[in-house]
Amino acid sequence: MQKEKLAALKEQYSTKIIDGNIISQNLREKVRIHTEKLLQEQQIQPGLAVVLVGDDQASAVYVRNKEKASKELGFYSEVHRLATSTPEQELLSLIQKLNQSPLIHGILVQLPLPKHIEEKNIINAIHPDKDVDGFHPISVGNMVIGQTTFLPCTPAGIVAMLKESQVVTTGREAVVIGRSLIVGKPMANLLIEKGSDATVTVCHSRTQDIKSHTLRADIVIAAIGKANFITADMIREGATVIDVGMNRDTDGTLCGDVDFANVVGKAGKITPVPGGVGPMTITMLMVNTFKSASGIWLV
């Protein structure tokens, strides 16, 4: 979808658009103010280390954005860029050094990794106290049983967006489309947790008749990775639609998993792509890093 077309739709349906940029900016300002206070009162500066292995262009963009956000909020920032050929053991040694560094409160290894490196080994090597991505098995286990822990950034960001947009989840039916470890599965867990209290259905590539599930949903969260997969005839009038997808349309422009132009008129509330869920993911990484440094949850 072209930027001009998206801007026109946002102007036409302003009351329906969940603007991730605005929600993200407000939360980042909160983190910045508290970071300044933490440094002044306790001489603690939140530190985030990001590790990039290889030359994947999309990953490089994500890393630059995380580095920029860290500096804007007053964090101490380290970025370690390693060659694609870096041996797994060398990466593990770097993680061990970061685990032991008093300057670093959060460690993020950008995924995906080169094929010769086992992602599981890398994730497991990050100390749970610095696991600001929320991917370590201990973090995941704590999330599932409802214990305080670092939450995966995208699902946590979506929960924050729903709350900020005054979307009622208690007792409502939510359908999550996608079962990835990064979005789908943790998203379902967070929605059924106390405080959200939704009734959740998880659909995926093997689900028969996804439309029959989405049509009864009060909230649809699309994270299946297929451009414009969710069409207007799949959405109930007035439903909230959260689009996690980041794809390329047939004309090469960015688009989500939702056919925004046609669904926006039917949805009660909806996130655009870009400018919806994306900004919240990095923001929640900053929230997690601040929590690691200070012990304070800001969301």
C-alpha atoms as a PDB file:
ATOM      1  CA  MET A   1       0.000   0.000   0.000  1.00  0.00           C
ATOM      2  CA  GLN A   2       1.424   3.387  -0.977  1.00  0.00           C
ATOM      3  CA  LYS A   3       2.090   5.877   1.833  1.00  0.00           C
ATOM      4  CA  GLU A   4      -0.310   8.408   0.329  1.00  0.00           C
ATOM      5  CA  LYS A   5      -3.131   5.876   0.211  1.00  0.00           C
ATOM      6  CA  LEU A   6      -2.488   4.790   3.780  1.00  0.00           C
ATOM      7  CA  ALA A   7      -2.418   8.404   4.960  1.00  0.00           C
ATOM      8  CA  ALA A   8      -5.765   9.066   3.265  1.00  0.00           C
ATOM      9  CA  LEU A   9      -7.321   5.998   4.882  1.00  0.00           C
ATOM     10  CA  LYS A  10      -5.985   7.007   8.293  1.00  0.00           C
ATOM     11  CA  GLU A  11      -7.505  10.455   7.868  1.00  0.00           C
ATOM     12  CA  GLN A  12     -10.843   8.985   6.802  1.00  0.00           C
ATOM     13  CA  TYR A  13     -10.950   6.399   9.590  1.00  0.00           C
ATOM     14  CA  SER A  14      -8.996   8.246  12.295  1.00  0.00           C
ATOM     15  CA  THR A  15     -11.223   7.031  15.127  1.00  0.00           C
ATOM     16  CA  LYS A  16     -10.525   3.418  14.143  1.00  0.00           C
ATOM     17  CA  ILE A  17      -6.760   3.501  13.733  1.00  0.00           C
ATOM     18  CA  ILE A  18      -4.586   2.204  16.574  1.00  0.00           C
ATOM     19  CA  ASP A  19      -1.515   4.346  15.970  1.00  0.00           C
ATOM     20  CA  GLY A  20       1.528   2.427  17.173  1.00  0.00           C
ATOM     21  CA  ASN A  21       3.796   5.390  16.538  1.00  0.00           C
ATOM     22  CA  ILE A  22       1.969   7.626  19.015  1.00  0.00           C
ATOM     23  CA  ILE A  23       1.597   4.923  21.684  1.00  0.00           C
ATOM     24  CA  SER A  24       5.252   4.010  21.255  1.00  0.00           C
ATOM     25  CA  GLN A  25       6.449   7.618  21.469  1.00  0.00           C
ATOM     26  CA  ASN A  26       4.510   8.216  24.687  1.00  0.00           C
ATOM     27  CA  LEU A  27       5.921   5.079  26.295  1.00  0.00           C
ATOM     28  CA  ARG A  28       9.472   5.853  25.165  1.00  0.00           C
ATOM     29  CA  GLU A  29       9.222   9.296  26.713  1.00  0.00           C
ATOM     30  CA  LYS A  30       8.198   7.625  29.975  1.00  0.00           C
ATOM     31  CA  VAL A  31      11.242   5.343  29.743  1.00  0.00           C
ATOM     32  CA  ARG A  32      13.516   8.302  28.952  1.00  0.00           C
ATOM     33  CA  ILE A  33      12.328  10.295  31.977  1.00  0.00           C
ATOM     34  CA  HIS A  34      12.713   7.336  34.333  1.00  0.00           C
ATOM     35  CA  THR A  35      16.135   6.524  32.878  1.00  0.00           C
ATOM     36  CA  GLU A  36      17.303  10.053  33.589  1.00  0.00           C
ATOM     37  CA  LYS A  37      15.965   9.783  37.143  1.00  0.00           C
ATOM     38  CA  LEU A  38      17.628   6.381  37.657  1.00  0.00           C
ATOM     39  CA  LEU A  39      20.975   7.759  36.543  1.00  0.00           C
ATOM     40  CA  GLN A  40      20.695  10.855  38.737  1.00  0.00           C
ATOM     41  CA  GLU A  41      19.477   9.097  41.889  1.00  0.00           C
ATOM     42  CA  GLN A  42      21.246   5.740  41.730  1.00  0.00           C
ATOM     43  CA  GLN A  43      24.002   6.279  39.140  1.00  0.00           C
ATOM     44  CA  ILE A  44      22.626   3.351  37.122  1.00  0.00           C
ATOM     45  CA  GLN A  45      22.470   3.609  33.340  1.00  0.00           C
ATOM     46  CA  PRO A  46      20.507   0.850  31.591  1.00  0.00           C
ATOM     47  CA  GLY A  47      22.796  -0.976  29.177  1.00  0.00           C
ATOM     48  CA  LEU A  48      21.712  -2.916  26.097  1.00  0.00           C
ATOM     49  CA  ALA A  49      23.995  -5.094  23.973  1.00  0.00           C
ATOM     50  CA  VAL A  50      22.803  -6.133  20.526  1.00  0.00           C
ATOM     51  CA  VAL A  51      24.636  -8.805  18.552  1.00  0.00           C
ATOM     52  CA  LEU A  52      24.314  -9.138  14.779  1.00  0.00           C
ATOM     53  CA  VAL A  53      25.865 -12.098  12.990  1.00  0.00           C
ATOM     54  CA  GLY A  54      26.058 -11.864   9.213  1.00  0.00           C
ATOM     55  CA  ASP A  55      24.932  -9.329   6.636  1.00  0.00           C
ATOM     56  CA  ASP A  56      21.171  -9.862   6.420  1.00  0.00           C
ATOM     57  CA  GLN A  57      19.871  -6.443   5.372  1.00  0.00           C
ATOM     58  CA  ALA A  58      16.565  -6.606   7.234  1.00  0.00           C
ATOM     59  CA  SER A  59      18.373  -7.624  10.431  1.00  0.00           C
ATOM     60  CA  ALA A  60      20.844  -4.792   9.960  1.00  0.00           C
ATOM     61  CA  VAL A  61      17.989  -2.289   9.774  1.00  0.00           C
ATOM     62  CA  TYR A  62      16.417  -3.690  12.948  1.00  0.00           C
ATOM     63  CA  VAL A  63      19.755  -3.469  14.768  1.00  0.00           C
ATOM     64  CA  ARG A  64      20.290   0.153  13.713  1.00  0.00           C
ATOM     65  CA  ASN A  65      16.807   1.042  14.937  1.00  0.00           C
ATOM     66  CA  LYS A  66      17.449  -0.619  18.300  1.00  0.00           C
ATOM     67  CA  GLU A  67      20.796   1.157  18.647  1.00  0.00           C
ATOM     68  CA  LYS A  68      19.175   4.486  17.821  1.00  0.00           C
ATOM     69  CA  ALA A  69      16.339   3.960  20.311  1.00  0.00           C
ATOM     70  CA  SER A  70      18.807   3.010  23.069  1.00  0.00           C
ATOM     71  CA  LYS A  71      20.812   6.196  22.628  1.00  0.00           C
ATOM     72  CA  GLU A  72      17.724   8.420  22.391  1.00  0.00           C
ATOM     73  CA  LEU A  73      16.481   7.080  25.733  1.00  0.00           C
ATOM     74  CA  GLY A  74      19.806   7.606  27.472  1.00  0.00           C
ATOM     75  CA  PHE A  75      20.858   3.965  27.598  1.00  0.00           C
ATOM     76  CA  TYR A  76      24.390   2.694  27.358  1.00  0.00           C
ATOM     77  CA  SER A  77      24.543   0.853  24.027  1.00  0.00           C
ATOM     78  CA  GLU A  78      26.838  -1.764  22.558  1.00  0.00           C
ATOM     79  CA  VAL A  79      26.452  -3.263  19.091  1.00  0.00           C
ATOM     80  CA  HIS A  80      28.574  -6.273  18.146  1.00  0.00           C
ATOM     81  CA  ARG A  81      28.627  -6.973  14.417  1.00  0.00           C
ATOM     82  CA  LEU A  82      30.142 -10.355  13.580  1.00  0.00           C
ATOM     83  CA  ALA A  83      30.935 -11.977  10.243  1.00  0.00           C
ATOM     84  CA  THR A  84      28.626 -14.635   8.801  1.00  0.00           C
ATOM     85  CA  SER A  85      31.428 -17.186   9.204  1.00  0.00           C
ATOM     86  CA  THR A  86      31.745 -16.558  12.955  1.00  0.00           C
ATOM     87  CA  PRO A  87      31.958 -19.939  14.746  1.00  0.00           C
ATOM     88  CA  GLU A  88      29.223 -20.758  17.220  1.00  0.00           C
ATOM     89  CA  GLN A  89      31.735 -21.036  20.054  1.00  0.00           C
ATOM     90  CA  GLU A  90      33.001 -17.514  19.397  1.00  0.00           C
ATOM     91  CA  LEU A  91      29.447 -16.185  19.649  1.00  0.00           C
ATOM     92  CA  LEU A  92      28.888 -18.145  22.856  1.00  0.00           C
ATOM     93  CA  SER A  93      32.094 -16.669  24.307  1.00  0.00           C
ATOM     94  CA  LEU A  94      30.878 -13.159  23.509  1.00  0.00           C
ATOM     95  CA  ILE A  95      27.543 -13.853  25.207  1.00  0.00           C
ATOM     96  CA  GLN A  96      29.370 -15.101  28.299  1.00  0.00           C
ATOM     97  CA  LYS A  97      31.355 -11.848  28.456  1.00  0.00           C
ATOM     98  CA  LEU A  98      28.152  -9.831  28.135  1.00  0.00           C
ATOM     99  CA  ASN A  99      26.508 -11.950  30.825  1.00  0.00           C
ATOM    100  CA  GLN A 100      29.323 -10.952  33.174  1.00  0.00           C
ATOM    101  CA  SER A 101      29.527  -7.278  32.167  1.00  0.00           C
ATOM    102  CA  PRO A 102      28.190  -4.871  34.840  1.00  0.00           C
ATOM    103  CA  LEU A 103      27.491  -2.314  32.109  1.00  0.00           C
ATOM    104  CA  ILE A 104      25.018  -4.581  30.310  1.00  0.00           C
ATOM    105  CA  HIS A 105      21.505  -5.239  31.643  1.00  0.00           C
ATOM    106  CA  GLY A 106      19.999  -6.649  28.462  1.00  0.00           C
ATOM    107  CA  ILE A 107      21.354  -8.887  25.709  1.00  0.00           C
ATOM    108  CA  LEU A 108      19.707  -9.365  22.342  1.00  0.00           C
ATOM    109  CA  VAL A 109      21.064 -11.622  19.604  1.00  0.00           C
ATOM    110  CA  GLN A 110      19.374 -10.673  16.360  1.00  0.00           C
ATOM    111  CA  LEU A 111      17.619 -13.583  14.638  1.00  0.00           C
ATOM    112  CA  PRO A 112      17.831 -15.364  12.284  1.00  0.00           C
ATOM    113  CA  LEU A 113      21.375 -16.648  12.678  1.00  0.00           C
ATOM    114  CA  PRO A 114      23.555 -18.288   9.991  1.00  0.00           C
ATOM    115  CA  LYS A 115      22.686 -21.948   9.452  1.00  0.00           C
ATOM    116  CA  HIS A 116      25.841 -23.299  11.084  1.00  0.00           C
ATOM    117  CA  ILE A 117      24.841 -21.729  14.416  1.00  0.00           C
ATOM    118  CA  GLU A 118      22.199 -23.451  16.536  1.00  0.00           C
ATOM    119  CA  GLU A 119      19.749 -20.767  17.673  1.00  0.00           C
ATOM    120  CA  LYS A 120      18.663 -22.818  20.677  1.00  0.00           C
ATOM    121  CA  ASN A 121      22.214 -22.898  22.039  1.00  0.00           C
ATOM    122  CA  ILE A 122      22.549 -19.139  21.698  1.00  0.00           C
ATOM    123  CA  ILE A 123      19.213 -18.336  23.326  1.00  0.00           C
ATOM    124  CA  ASN A 124      19.947 -20.705  26.200  1.00  0.00           C
ATOM    125  CA  ALA A 125      23.354 -19.096  26.761  1.00  0.00           C
ATOM    126  CA  ILE A 126      21.896 -15.674  27.572  1.00  0.00           C
ATOM    127  CA  HIS A 127      21.455 -15.275  31.326  1.00  0.00           C
ATOM    128  CA  PRO A 128      17.715 -15.143  32.173  1.00  0.00           C
ATOM    129  CA  ASP A 129      18.305 -11.904  34.115  1.00  0.00           C
ATOM    130  CA  LYS A 130      19.452 -10.271  30.861  1.00  0.00           C
ATOM    131  CA  ASP A 131      17.024 -12.024  28.507  1.00  0.00           C
ATOM    132  CA  VAL A 132      15.213  -8.869  27.380  1.00  0.00           C
ATOM    133  CA  ASP A 133      13.911 -10.644  24.275  1.00  0.00           C
ATOM    134  CA  GLY A 134      11.989 -13.055  26.507  1.00  0.00           C
ATOM    135  CA  PHE A 135      13.056 -16.156  24.563  1.00  0.00           C
ATOM    136  CA  HIS A 136      15.012 -18.099  27.206  1.00  0.00           C
ATOM    137  CA  PRO A 137      13.222 -21.288  28.362  1.00  0.00           C
ATOM    138  CA  ILE A 138      13.100 -19.919  31.917  1.00  0.00           C
ATOM    139  CA  SER A 139      11.433 -16.714  30.685  1.00  0.00           C
ATOM    140  CA  VAL A 140       8.977 -18.698  28.583  1.00  0.00           C
ATOM    141  CA  GLY A 141       8.178 -21.043  31.452  1.00  0.00           C
ATOM    142  CA  ASN A 142       7.584 -18.161  33.853  1.00  0.00           C
ATOM    143  CA  MET A 143       5.290 -16.506  31.328  1.00  0.00           C
ATOM    144  CA  VAL A 144       3.220 -19.676  30.922  1.00  0.00           C
ATOM    145  CA  ILE A 145       2.720 -20.117  34.675  1.00  0.00           C
ATOM    146  CA  GLY A 146       1.994 -16.428  35.181  1.00  0.00           C
ATOM    147  CA  GLN A 147       5.164 -15.426  37.007  1.00  0.00           C
ATOM    148  CA  THR A 148       6.793 -12.021  36.576  1.00  0.00           C
ATOM    149  CA  THR A 149       9.344 -12.288  33.784  1.00  0.00           C
ATOM    150  CA  PHE A 150      10.616 -10.644  30.617  1.00  0.00           C
ATOM    151  CA  LEU A 151       7.917 -10.999  27.970  1.00  0.00           C
ATOM    152  CA  PRO A 152       8.536 -11.376  24.229  1.00  0.00           C
ATOM    153  CA  CYS A 153       8.493  -7.845  22.877  1.00  0.00           C
ATOM    154  CA  THR A 154       5.936  -8.062  20.070  1.00  0.00           C
ATOM    155  CA  PRO A 155       3.165  -9.809  22.064  1.00  0.00           C
ATOM    156  CA  ALA A 156       3.834  -7.563  25.071  1.00  0.00           C
ATOM    157  CA  GLY A 157       3.620  -4.541  22.800  1.00  0.00           C
ATOM    158  CA  ILE A 158       0.282  -5.709  21.440  1.00  0.00           C
ATOM    159  CA  VAL A 159      -1.128  -6.117  24.958  1.00  0.00           C
ATOM    160  CA  ALA A 160       0.029  -2.567  25.750  1.00  0.00           C
ATOM    161  CA  MET A 161      -1.603  -1.273  22.563  1.00  0.00           C
ATOM    162  CA  LEU A 162      -4.899  -2.967  23.383  1.00  0.00           C
ATOM    163  CA  LYS A 163      -4.923  -1.449  26.862  1.00  0.00           C
ATOM    164  CA  GLU A 164      -3.938   2.002  25.645  1.00  0.00           C
ATOM    165  CA  SER A 165      -6.649   1.867  22.963  1.00  0.00           C
ATOM    166  CA  GLN A 166      -9.232   0.791  25.566  1.00  0.00           C
ATOM    167  CA  VAL A 167      -9.978  -2.478  23.817  1.00  0.00           C
ATOM    168  CA  VAL A 168     -11.852  -4.717  26.249  1.00  0.00           C
ATOM    169  CA  THR A 169     -10.382  -8.222  26.346  1.00  0.00           C
ATOM    170  CA  THR A 170     -12.054  -9.669  29.451  1.00  0.00           C
ATOM    171  CA  GLY A 171     -14.506 -12.356  28.413  1.00  0.00           C
ATOM    172  CA  ARG A 172     -14.010 -11.580  24.732  1.00  0.00           C
ATOM    173  CA  GLU A 173     -13.126 -14.049  21.996  1.00  0.00           C
ATOM    174  CA  ALA A 174      -9.681 -13.579  20.490  1.00  0.00           C
ATOM    175  CA  VAL A 175      -8.281 -15.438  17.503  1.00  0.00           C
ATOM    176  CA  VAL A 176      -4.510 -15.553  17.013  1.00  0.00           C
ATOM    177  CA  ILE A 177      -3.452 -16.571  13.514  1.00  0.00           C
ATOM    178  CA  GLY A 178       0.050 -18.020  13.674  1.00  0.00           C
ATOM    179  CA  ARG A 179       1.806 -20.277  16.192  1.00  0.00           C
ATOM    180  CA  SER A 180       5.398 -19.050  16.146  1.00  0.00           C
ATOM    181  CA  LEU A 181       7.480 -18.996  19.308  1.00  0.00           C
ATOM    182  CA  ILE A 182       8.101 -15.277  18.795  1.00  0.00           C
ATOM    183  CA  VAL A 183       4.505 -14.074  18.367  1.00  0.00           C
ATOM    184  CA  GLY A 184       1.691 -16.629  18.101  1.00  0.00           C
ATOM    185  CA  LYS A 185       2.235 -18.875  21.121  1.00  0.00           C
ATOM    186  CA  PRO A 186       3.242 -16.148  23.612  1.00  0.00           C
ATOM    187  CA  MET A 187       0.426 -13.940  22.314  1.00  0.00           C
ATOM    188  CA  ALA A 188      -2.107 -16.618  23.155  1.00  0.00           C
ATOM    189  CA  ASN A 189      -0.584 -17.040  26.615  1.00  0.00           C
ATOM    190  CA  LEU A 190      -0.726 -13.327  27.379  1.00  0.00           C
ATOM    191  CA  LEU A 191      -4.345 -13.050  26.254  1.00  0.00           C
ATOM    192  CA  ILE A 192      -5.563 -15.829  28.524  1.00  0.00           C
ATOM    193  CA  GLU A 193      -3.534 -14.552  31.488  1.00  0.00           C
ATOM    194  CA  LYS A 194      -5.291 -12.811  34.384  1.00  0.00           C
ATOM    195  CA  GLY A 195      -5.734  -9.171  33.499  1.00  0.00           C
ATOM    196  CA  SER A 196      -6.478  -9.942  29.849  1.00  0.00           C
ATOM    197  CA  ASP A 197      -8.893 -12.816  30.530  1.00  0.00           C
ATOM    198  CA  ALA A 198      -9.784 -13.480  26.894  1.00  0.00           C
ATOM    199  CA  THR A 199     -10.984 -16.766  25.425  1.00  0.00           C
ATOM    200  CA  VAL A 200      -8.367 -17.647  22.831  1.00  0.00           C
ATOM    201  CA  THR A 201      -8.292 -19.735  19.674  1.00  0.00           C
ATOM    202  CA  VAL A 202      -5.001 -20.277  17.839  1.00  0.00           C
ATOM    203  CA  CYS A 203      -5.199 -20.873  14.091  1.00  0.00           C
ATOM    204  CA  HIS A 204      -2.317 -21.838  11.815  1.00  0.00           C
ATOM    205  CA  SER A 205      -1.447 -23.204   8.380  1.00  0.00           C
ATOM    206  CA  ARG A 206      -3.155 -26.529   9.087  1.00  0.00           C
ATOM    207  CA  THR A 207      -6.360 -25.048  10.497  1.00  0.00           C
ATOM    208  CA  GLN A 208      -9.400 -25.875   8.411  1.00  0.00           C
ATOM    209  CA  ASP A 209     -11.705 -22.964   7.594  1.00  0.00           C
ATOM    210  CA  ILE A 210      -9.920 -20.147   9.422  1.00  0.00           C
ATOM    211  CA  LYS A 211     -12.736 -17.828   8.376  1.00  0.00           C
ATOM    212  CA  SER A 212     -15.203 -19.677  10.609  1.00  0.00           C
ATOM    213  CA  HIS A 213     -13.001 -18.818  13.599  1.00  0.00           C
ATOM    214  CA  THR A 214     -12.252 -15.197  12.717  1.00  0.00           C
ATOM    215  CA  LEU A 215     -15.905 -14.364  12.040  1.00  0.00           C
ATOM    216  CA  ARG A 216     -16.846 -15.009  15.652  1.00  0.00           C
ATOM    217  CA  ALA A 217     -13.847 -13.157  17.078  1.00  0.00           C
ATOM    218  CA  ASP A 218     -13.990  -9.861  18.931  1.00  0.00           C
ATOM    219  CA  ILE A 219     -10.220  -9.544  18.451  1.00  0.00           C
ATOM    220  CA  VAL A 220      -8.189 -10.919  15.543  1.00  0.00           C
ATOM    221  CA  ILE A 221      -4.384 -10.929  15.725  1.00  0.00           C
ATOM    222  CA  ALA A 222      -2.829 -11.825  12.373  1.00  0.00           C
ATOM    223  CA  ALA A 223       0.743 -13.134  12.500  1.00  0.00           C
ATOM    224  CA  ILE A 224       0.840 -15.667   9.686  1.00  0.00           C
ATOM    225  CA  GLY A 225       3.293 -13.937   7.328  1.00  0.00           C
ATOM    226  CA  LYS A 226       1.092 -13.874   4.236  1.00  0.00           C
ATOM    227  CA  ALA A 227       0.382 -10.592   2.486  1.00  0.00           C
ATOM    228  CA  ASN A 228      -3.264  -9.444   2.695  1.00  0.00           C
ATOM    229  CA  PHE A 229      -4.344 -12.873   3.969  1.00  0.00           C
ATOM    230  CA  ILE A 230      -7.140 -11.497   6.166  1.00  0.00           C
ATOM    231  CA  THR A 231      -9.897 -10.102   3.971  1.00  0.00           C
ATOM    232  CA  ALA A 232     -13.023  -8.134   4.864  1.00  0.00           C
ATOM    233  CA  ASP A 233     -15.308 -11.164   4.580  1.00  0.00           C
ATOM    234  CA  MET A 234     -13.301 -12.848   7.368  1.00  0.00           C
ATOM    235  CA  ILE A 235     -13.917 -10.084   9.916  1.00  0.00           C
ATOM    236  CA  ARG A 236     -16.986  -9.515  12.049  1.00  0.00           C
ATOM    237  CA  GLU A 237     -18.389  -5.980  12.030  1.00  0.00           C
ATOM    238  CA  GLY A 238     -16.772  -3.936  14.791  1.00  0.00           C
ATOM    239  CA  ALA A 239     -13.965  -6.403  15.614  1.00  0.00           C
ATOM    240  CA  THR A 240     -10.504  -5.210  16.644  1.00  0.00           C
ATOM    241  CA  VAL A 241      -7.836  -6.271  14.135  1.00  0.00           C
ATOM    242  CA  ILE A 242      -4.133  -6.327  15.022  1.00  0.00           C
ATOM    243  CA  ASP A 243      -1.796  -6.844  12.076  1.00  0.00           C
ATOM    244  CA  VAL A 244       1.637  -8.229  12.964  1.00  0.00           C
ATOM    245  CA  GLY A 245       2.617  -9.007   9.375  1.00  0.00           C
ATOM    246  CA  MET A 246       5.408  -7.283   7.470  1.00  0.00           C
ATOM    247  CA  ASN A 247       5.327  -8.317   3.826  1.00  0.00           C
ATOM    248  CA  ARG A 248       5.805  -6.949   0.340  1.00  0.00           C
ATOM    249  CA  ASP A 249       2.722  -6.348  -1.790  1.00  0.00           C
ATOM    250  CA  THR A 250       2.656  -7.166  -5.502  1.00  0.00           C
ATOM    251  CA  ASP A 251       3.832  -3.624  -6.267  1.00  0.00           C
ATOM    252  CA  GLY A 252       6.745  -3.934  -3.852  1.00  0.00           C
ATOM    253  CA  THR A 253       5.320  -1.737  -1.096  1.00  0.00           C
ATOM    254  CA  LEU A 254       5.107  -2.797   2.548  1.00  0.00           C
ATOM    255  CA  CYS A 255       1.899  -4.442   3.644  1.00  0.00           C
ATOM    256  CA  GLY A 256       0.664  -6.596   6.482  1.00  0.00           C
ATOM    257  CA  ASP A 257      -1.232  -9.850   6.797  1.00  0.00           C
ATOM    258  CA  VAL A 258      -4.489  -7.870   6.659  1.00  0.00           C
ATOM    259  CA  ASP A 259      -6.086  -6.323   3.576  1.00  0.00           C
ATOM    260  CA  PHE A 260      -6.139  -2.976   5.354  1.00  0.00           C
ATOM    261  CA  ALA A 261      -7.873  -0.905   2.670  1.00  0.00           C
ATOM    262  CA  ASN A 262     -10.950  -3.143   2.701  1.00  0.00           C
ATOM    263  CA  VAL A 263     -10.952  -4.309   6.322  1.00  0.00           C
ATOM    264  CA  VAL A 264     -10.595  -0.820   7.845  1.00  0.00           C
ATOM    265  CA  GLY A 265     -14.186   0.101   6.999  1.00  0.00           C
ATOM    266  CA  LYS A 266     -15.530  -2.971   8.758  1.00  0.00           C
ATOM    267  CA  ALA A 267     -13.276  -3.210  11.798  1.00  0.00           C
ATOM    268  CA  GLY A 268     -13.998  -1.380  15.013  1.00  0.00           C
ATOM    269  CA  LYS A 269     -10.294  -0.701  15.527  1.00  0.00           C
ATOM    270  CA  ILE A 270      -7.289  -1.689  13.442  1.00  0.00           C
ATOM    271  CA  THR A 271      -3.525  -1.308  13.266  1.00  0.00           C
ATOM    272  CA  PRO A 272      -1.897  -0.142  10.021  1.00  0.00           C
ATOM    273  CA  VAL A 273       1.300  -1.440   8.417  1.00  0.00           C
ATOM    274  CA  PRO A 274       3.657   0.303   8.764  1.00  0.00           C
ATOM    275  CA  GLY A 275       3.019   2.349  11.892  1.00  0.00           C
ATOM    276  CA  GLY A 276       1.153  -0.206  13.973  1.00  0.00           C
ATOM    277  CA  VAL A 277       2.733  -3.075  15.864  1.00  0.00           C
ATOM    278  CA  GLY A 278       6.282  -2.490  14.563  1.00  0.00           C
ATOM    279  CA  PRO A 279       7.219   0.553  16.675  1.00  0.00           C
ATOM    280  CA  MET A 280       5.947  -1.174  19.826  1.00  0.00           C
ATOM    281  CA  THR A 281       8.324  -4.124  19.466  1.00  0.00           C
ATOM    282  CA  ILE A 282      11.463  -2.028  19.900  1.00  0.00           C
ATOM    283  CA  THR A 283       9.785   0.052  22.602  1.00  0.00           C
ATOM    284  CA  MET A 284       9.032  -3.033  24.687  1.00  0.00           C
ATOM    285  CA  LEU A 285      12.676  -4.073  24.311  1.00  0.00           C
ATOM    286  CA  MET A 286      13.574  -0.755  25.927  1.00  0.00           C
ATOM    287  CA  VAL A 287      10.981  -1.323  28.667  1.00  0.00           C
ATOM    288  CA  ASN A 288      12.467  -4.756  29.401  1.00  0.00           C
ATOM    289  CA  THR A 289      15.997  -3.354  29.507  1.00  0.00           C
ATOM    290  CA  PHE A 290      14.959  -0.600  31.895  1.00  0.00           C
ATOM    291  CA  LYS A 291      13.279  -3.206  34.098  1.00  0.00           C
ATOM    292  CA  SER A 292      16.462  -5.288  34.127  1.00  0.00           C
ATOM    293  CA  ALA A 293      18.480  -2.275  35.264  1.00  0.00           C
ATOM    294  CA  SER A 294      16.024  -0.820  37.770  1.00  0.00           C
ATOM    295  CA  GLY A 295      13.637  -3.554  38.869  1.00  0.00           C
ATOM    296  CA  ILE A 296      10.735  -1.279  37.859  1.00  0.00           C
ATOM    297  CA  TRP A 297       8.000  -2.222  35.381  1.00  0.00           C
ATOM    298  CA  LEU A 298       6.751   0.826  33.472  1.00  0.00           C
ATOM    299  CA  VAL A 299       3.922  -1.003  31.687  1.00  0.00           C
END
